[in-house]
């Protein structure tokens, strides 16, 4: 659905780049987007949301996962993904990030 970009009705603008997506998918996954996209806010009217506080790569991997893809986290991006998921209330993916971290923390790599 996302790969062919058909019938997308929302654009996430991150670091000057655009990620086309669907309002229904974003609103179903996130209370932040639900509120923004069901109100009279500018983003609702224009179909464009400027994302700050997260990188293009982080938001791209989150959007990919919301469309049923694998959440492709690793040691380099998991913290950024967790912060972004928490910021937007995407709890299912935040839980995946937290599990990934907790499975890898031990006395040798924890302060």
N, C-alpha and C. Protein backbone atom coordinates (compact mmCIF):
# COMPACT_ATOMS: atom_id res chain seq x y z
N UNK A 1 0.83 -1.20 0.00
CA UNK A 1 0.00 0.00 0.00
C UNK A 1 0.87 1.26 0.00
N UNK A 2 1.89 1.29 0.84
CA UNK A 2 2.73 2.48 0.92
C UNK A 2 3.69 2.56 -0.26
N UNK A 3 4.21 1.41 -0.70
CA UNK A 3 5.22 1.42 -1.75
C UNK A 3 4.74 2.07 -3.05
N UNK A 4 3.48 1.84 -3.40
CA UNK A 4 3.01 2.40 -4.66
C UNK A 4 2.46 3.82 -4.51
N UNK A 5 2.34 4.29 -3.29
CA UNK A 5 1.93 5.66 -2.97
C UNK A 5 0.58 6.04 -3.57
N UNK A 6 -0.26 5.07 -3.84
CA UNK A 6 -1.58 5.37 -4.39
C UNK A 6 -2.50 5.86 -3.29
N UNK A 7 -3.24 6.87 -3.60
CA UNK A 7 -4.26 7.43 -2.72
C UNK A 7 -3.72 7.95 -1.39
N UNK A 8 -2.44 8.27 -1.32
CA UNK A 8 -1.94 8.87 -0.10
C UNK A 8 -2.60 10.23 0.08
N UNK A 9 -2.86 10.58 1.32
CA UNK A 9 -3.53 11.86 1.59
C UNK A 9 -2.84 12.66 2.69
N UNK A 10 -1.61 12.27 2.99
CA UNK A 10 -0.85 12.96 4.02
C UNK A 10 0.63 12.90 3.66
N UNK A 11 1.33 13.97 3.96
CA UNK A 11 2.78 14.02 3.77
C UNK A 11 3.42 14.38 5.10
N UNK A 12 4.39 13.58 5.51
CA UNK A 12 5.21 13.92 6.66
C UNK A 12 6.48 14.57 6.13
N UNK A 13 6.74 15.78 6.55
CA UNK A 13 7.95 16.48 6.11
C UNK A 13 8.98 16.40 7.22
N UNK A 14 10.11 15.75 6.91
CA UNK A 14 11.16 15.52 7.90
C UNK A 14 12.49 15.91 7.28
N UNK A 15 13.18 16.83 7.91
CA UNK A 15 14.49 17.28 7.43
C UNK A 15 14.46 17.69 5.96
N UNK A 16 13.38 18.33 5.54
CA UNK A 16 13.25 18.80 4.17
C UNK A 16 12.85 17.74 3.16
N UNK A 17 12.64 16.51 3.62
CA UNK A 17 12.23 15.41 2.73
C UNK A 17 10.80 15.04 3.06
N UNK A 18 10.12 14.42 2.10
CA UNK A 18 8.72 14.08 2.28
C UNK A 18 8.50 12.57 2.33
N UNK A 19 7.62 12.17 3.23
CA UNK A 19 7.19 10.77 3.33
C UNK A 19 5.68 10.75 3.11
N UNK A 20 5.22 10.29 1.94
CA UNK A 20 3.77 10.20 1.71
C UNK A 20 3.19 9.03 2.50
N UNK A 21 2.00 9.23 3.04
CA UNK A 21 1.34 8.17 3.81
C UNK A 21 -0.16 8.43 3.82
N UNK A 22 -0.86 7.69 4.63
CA UNK A 22 -2.32 7.79 4.71
C UNK A 22 -2.74 8.26 6.10
N UNK A 23 -3.63 9.21 6.13
CA UNK A 23 -4.13 9.74 7.41
C UNK A 23 -4.68 8.64 8.30
N UNK A 24 -5.44 7.73 7.73
CA UNK A 24 -6.08 6.67 8.52
C UNK A 24 -5.04 5.80 9.22
N UNK A 25 -3.97 5.48 8.54
CA UNK A 25 -2.92 4.64 9.14
C UNK A 25 -2.25 5.38 10.28
N UNK A 26 -1.89 6.64 10.05
CA UNK A 26 -1.19 7.41 11.08
C UNK A 26 -2.10 7.68 12.27
N UNK A 27 -3.35 7.99 12.02
CA UNK A 27 -4.29 8.28 13.12
C UNK A 27 -4.60 7.02 13.93
N UNK A 28 -4.69 5.88 13.27
CA UNK A 28 -4.96 4.63 13.99
C UNK A 28 -3.80 4.24 14.89
N UNK A 29 -2.59 4.59 14.50
CA UNK A 29 -1.40 4.18 15.25
C UNK A 29 -1.02 5.15 16.36
N UNK A 30 -1.47 6.40 16.26
CA UNK A 30 -0.95 7.43 17.14
C UNK A 30 -2.03 8.39 17.61
N UNK A 31 -2.20 8.53 18.93
CA UNK A 31 -3.16 9.52 19.43
C UNK A 31 -2.77 10.95 19.04
N UNK A 32 -1.47 11.19 18.91
CA UNK A 32 -0.98 12.50 18.47
C UNK A 32 -1.53 12.82 17.09
N UNK A 33 -1.36 11.88 16.16
CA UNK A 33 -1.85 12.11 14.80
C UNK A 33 -3.37 12.09 14.74
N UNK A 34 -4.00 11.26 15.54
CA UNK A 34 -5.47 11.22 15.58
C UNK A 34 -6.02 12.60 15.92
N UNK A 35 -5.48 13.19 16.96
CA UNK A 35 -5.96 14.51 17.39
C UNK A 35 -5.68 15.57 16.32
N UNK A 36 -4.46 15.54 15.79
CA UNK A 36 -4.08 16.53 14.79
C UNK A 36 -4.92 16.41 13.51
N UNK A 37 -5.19 15.18 13.11
CA UNK A 37 -5.84 14.96 11.82
C UNK A 37 -7.36 14.92 11.88
N UNK A 38 -7.92 15.06 13.05
CA UNK A 38 -9.38 15.11 13.18
C UNK A 38 -9.84 16.44 13.74
N UNK A 39 -8.96 17.40 13.74
CA UNK A 39 -9.30 18.73 14.24
C UNK A 39 -9.27 19.71 13.08
N UNK A 40 -9.44 20.94 13.38
CA UNK A 40 -9.36 21.97 12.35
C UNK A 40 -7.96 22.54 12.20
N UNK A 41 -6.97 21.82 12.72
CA UNK A 41 -5.60 22.33 12.66
C UNK A 41 -5.13 22.45 11.21
N UNK A 42 -4.16 23.30 11.01
CA UNK A 42 -3.59 23.55 9.69
C UNK A 42 -3.15 22.25 9.02
N UNK A 43 -2.51 21.36 9.79
CA UNK A 43 -2.04 20.10 9.24
C UNK A 43 -3.18 19.26 8.70
N UNK A 44 -4.32 19.32 9.36
CA UNK A 44 -5.51 18.58 8.92
C UNK A 44 -6.01 19.14 7.60
N UNK A 45 -6.07 20.43 7.51
CA UNK A 45 -6.57 21.07 6.29
C UNK A 45 -5.63 20.89 5.11
N UNK A 46 -4.32 21.01 5.36
CA UNK A 46 -3.34 20.99 4.28
C UNK A 46 -2.81 19.59 3.95
N UNK A 47 -2.97 18.65 4.86
CA UNK A 47 -2.47 17.30 4.61
C UNK A 47 -0.96 17.20 4.66
N UNK A 48 -0.34 18.08 5.44
CA UNK A 48 1.11 18.07 5.57
C UNK A 48 1.48 18.30 7.02
N UNK A 49 2.35 17.44 7.55
CA UNK A 49 2.78 17.55 8.94
C UNK A 49 4.30 17.69 8.96
N UNK A 50 4.78 18.76 9.55
CA UNK A 50 6.21 18.94 9.72
C UNK A 50 6.64 18.23 11.00
N UNK A 51 7.58 17.32 10.85
CA UNK A 51 8.08 16.52 11.97
C UNK A 51 9.41 17.10 12.43
N UNK A 52 9.49 17.42 13.71
CA UNK A 52 10.73 17.89 14.30
C UNK A 52 11.12 16.96 15.44
N UNK A 53 12.38 16.92 15.76
CA UNK A 53 12.82 16.11 16.89
C UNK A 53 13.12 14.67 16.55
N UNK A 54 13.07 14.33 15.28
CA UNK A 54 13.41 12.97 14.83
C UNK A 54 13.98 13.06 13.42
N UNK A 55 14.86 12.15 13.09
CA UNK A 55 15.49 12.17 11.78
C UNK A 55 14.58 11.55 10.71
N UNK A 56 14.89 11.85 9.48
CA UNK A 56 14.16 11.27 8.35
C UNK A 56 14.22 9.74 8.40
N UNK A 57 15.42 9.21 8.66
CA UNK A 57 15.57 7.75 8.70
C UNK A 57 14.72 7.12 9.80
N UNK A 58 14.68 7.76 10.96
CA UNK A 58 13.89 7.24 12.07
C UNK A 58 12.40 7.23 11.73
N UNK A 59 11.90 8.34 11.22
CA UNK A 59 10.47 8.41 10.88
C UNK A 59 10.15 7.45 9.73
N UNK A 60 11.05 7.31 8.78
CA UNK A 60 10.84 6.37 7.68
C UNK A 60 10.69 4.94 8.18
N UNK A 61 11.55 4.53 9.11
CA UNK A 61 11.46 3.14 9.58
C UNK A 61 10.21 2.93 10.42
N UNK A 62 9.76 3.96 11.14
CA UNK A 62 8.52 3.86 11.91
C UNK A 62 7.32 3.75 10.97
N UNK A 63 7.27 4.60 9.96
CA UNK A 63 6.15 4.55 9.00
C UNK A 63 6.13 3.19 8.30
N UNK A 64 7.29 2.71 7.90
CA UNK A 64 7.37 1.39 7.26
C UNK A 64 6.76 0.32 8.17
N UNK A 65 7.09 0.35 9.44
CA UNK A 65 6.56 -0.63 10.40
C UNK A 65 5.06 -0.48 10.59
N UNK A 66 4.56 0.75 10.56
CA UNK A 66 3.12 0.97 10.72
C UNK A 66 2.31 0.38 9.57
N UNK A 67 2.96 0.22 8.43
CA UNK A 67 2.30 -0.37 7.27
C UNK A 67 2.50 -1.88 7.22
N UNK A 68 2.90 -2.46 8.33
CA UNK A 68 3.02 -3.91 8.40
C UNK A 68 4.40 -4.46 8.14
N UNK A 69 5.35 -3.57 7.90
CA UNK A 69 6.71 -4.03 7.69
C UNK A 69 7.40 -4.28 9.02
N UNK A 70 8.58 -4.84 8.93
CA UNK A 70 9.38 -5.09 10.12
C UNK A 70 9.94 -3.77 10.65
N UNK A 71 9.97 -3.62 11.96
CA UNK A 71 10.61 -2.46 12.58
C UNK A 71 12.11 -2.76 12.58
N UNK A 72 12.82 -2.15 11.66
CA UNK A 72 14.23 -2.47 11.44
C UNK A 72 15.12 -1.67 12.39
N UNK A 73 15.12 -2.08 13.66
CA UNK A 73 15.93 -1.40 14.65
C UNK A 73 17.23 -2.17 14.88
N UNK A 74 18.23 -1.42 15.28
CA UNK A 74 19.51 -2.00 15.65
C UNK A 74 20.12 -1.13 16.74
N UNK A 75 21.31 -1.46 17.16
CA UNK A 75 21.96 -0.73 18.24
C UNK A 75 22.18 0.74 17.93
N UNK A 76 22.24 1.08 16.65
CA UNK A 76 22.49 2.47 16.26
C UNK A 76 21.23 3.33 16.23
N UNK A 77 20.07 2.73 15.97
CA UNK A 77 18.87 3.56 15.80
C UNK A 77 17.76 3.32 16.82
N UNK A 78 17.93 2.33 17.69
CA UNK A 78 16.84 1.95 18.59
C UNK A 78 16.47 3.07 19.56
N UNK A 79 17.45 3.80 20.07
CA UNK A 79 17.12 4.87 21.02
C UNK A 79 16.34 5.98 20.34
N UNK A 80 16.76 6.36 19.14
CA UNK A 80 16.03 7.40 18.40
C UNK A 80 14.61 6.94 18.07
N UNK A 81 14.47 5.68 17.70
CA UNK A 81 13.14 5.15 17.39
C UNK A 81 12.26 5.13 18.64
N UNK A 82 12.82 4.75 19.78
CA UNK A 82 12.06 4.73 21.02
C UNK A 82 11.59 6.13 21.40
N UNK A 83 12.47 7.11 21.30
CA UNK A 83 12.10 8.49 21.62
C UNK A 83 10.98 8.97 20.70
N UNK A 84 11.11 8.73 19.40
CA UNK A 84 10.09 9.17 18.45
C UNK A 84 8.76 8.46 18.69
N UNK A 85 8.80 7.17 18.93
CA UNK A 85 7.55 6.43 19.20
C UNK A 85 6.87 6.95 20.46
N UNK A 86 7.65 7.22 21.48
CA UNK A 86 7.07 7.78 22.71
C UNK A 86 6.52 9.17 22.47
N UNK A 87 7.23 9.98 21.68
CA UNK A 87 6.79 11.35 21.41
C UNK A 87 5.43 11.36 20.70
N UNK A 88 5.21 10.41 19.81
CA UNK A 88 3.97 10.37 19.04
C UNK A 88 2.96 9.35 19.57
N UNK A 89 3.28 8.72 20.69
CA UNK A 89 2.34 7.79 21.32
C UNK A 89 2.12 6.50 20.56
N UNK A 90 3.12 6.07 19.83
CA UNK A 90 3.02 4.83 19.06
C UNK A 90 3.51 3.70 19.98
N UNK A 91 2.64 3.28 20.86
CA UNK A 91 3.02 2.40 21.96
C UNK A 91 3.46 1.01 21.54
N UNK A 92 2.85 0.46 20.50
CA UNK A 92 3.24 -0.89 20.09
C UNK A 92 4.69 -0.92 19.63
N UNK A 93 5.10 0.08 18.86
CA UNK A 93 6.48 0.12 18.39
C UNK A 93 7.43 0.54 19.50
N UNK A 94 6.98 1.41 20.40
CA UNK A 94 7.81 1.78 21.55
C UNK A 94 8.12 0.55 22.39
N UNK A 95 7.14 -0.33 22.54
CA UNK A 95 7.35 -1.57 23.30
C UNK A 95 8.38 -2.47 22.62
N UNK A 96 8.33 -2.53 21.30
CA UNK A 96 9.34 -3.31 20.56
C UNK A 96 10.73 -2.77 20.80
N UNK A 97 10.85 -1.44 20.77
CA UNK A 97 12.15 -0.81 21.01
C UNK A 97 12.64 -1.09 22.42
N UNK A 98 11.76 -0.95 23.39
CA UNK A 98 12.13 -1.18 24.79
C UNK A 98 12.55 -2.64 25.00
N UNK A 99 11.85 -3.56 24.37
CA UNK A 99 12.21 -4.98 24.48
C UNK A 99 13.58 -5.24 23.87
N UNK A 100 13.83 -4.64 22.72
CA UNK A 100 15.12 -4.79 22.05
C UNK A 100 16.25 -4.33 22.98
N UNK A 101 16.05 -3.19 23.62
CA UNK A 101 17.07 -2.66 24.53
C UNK A 101 17.24 -3.57 25.74
N UNK A 102 16.14 -3.94 26.37
CA UNK A 102 16.23 -4.74 27.60
C UNK A 102 16.85 -6.11 27.36
N UNK A 103 16.65 -6.67 26.18
CA UNK A 103 17.25 -7.97 25.85
C UNK A 103 18.76 -7.88 25.67
N UNK A 104 19.27 -6.68 25.45
CA UNK A 104 20.69 -6.52 25.16
C UNK A 104 21.48 -5.84 26.28
N UNK A 105 20.80 -5.40 27.31
CA UNK A 105 21.48 -4.73 28.41
C UNK A 105 22.02 -5.78 29.37
N UNK A 106 23.29 -5.62 29.72
CA UNK A 106 23.88 -6.48 30.75
C UNK A 106 24.87 -5.65 31.56
N UNK A 107 25.53 -6.27 32.50
CA UNK A 107 26.42 -5.52 33.39
C UNK A 107 27.63 -4.94 32.67
N UNK A 108 27.96 -5.46 31.50
CA UNK A 108 29.12 -4.96 30.76
C UNK A 108 28.81 -3.72 29.92
N UNK A 109 27.54 -3.51 29.54
CA UNK A 109 27.23 -2.37 28.68
C UNK A 109 26.27 -1.38 29.33
N UNK A 110 26.04 -1.53 30.62
CA UNK A 110 25.13 -0.63 31.34
C UNK A 110 25.93 0.22 32.31
N UNK A 111 25.59 1.48 32.41
CA UNK A 111 26.31 2.35 33.34
C UNK A 111 25.76 2.22 34.72
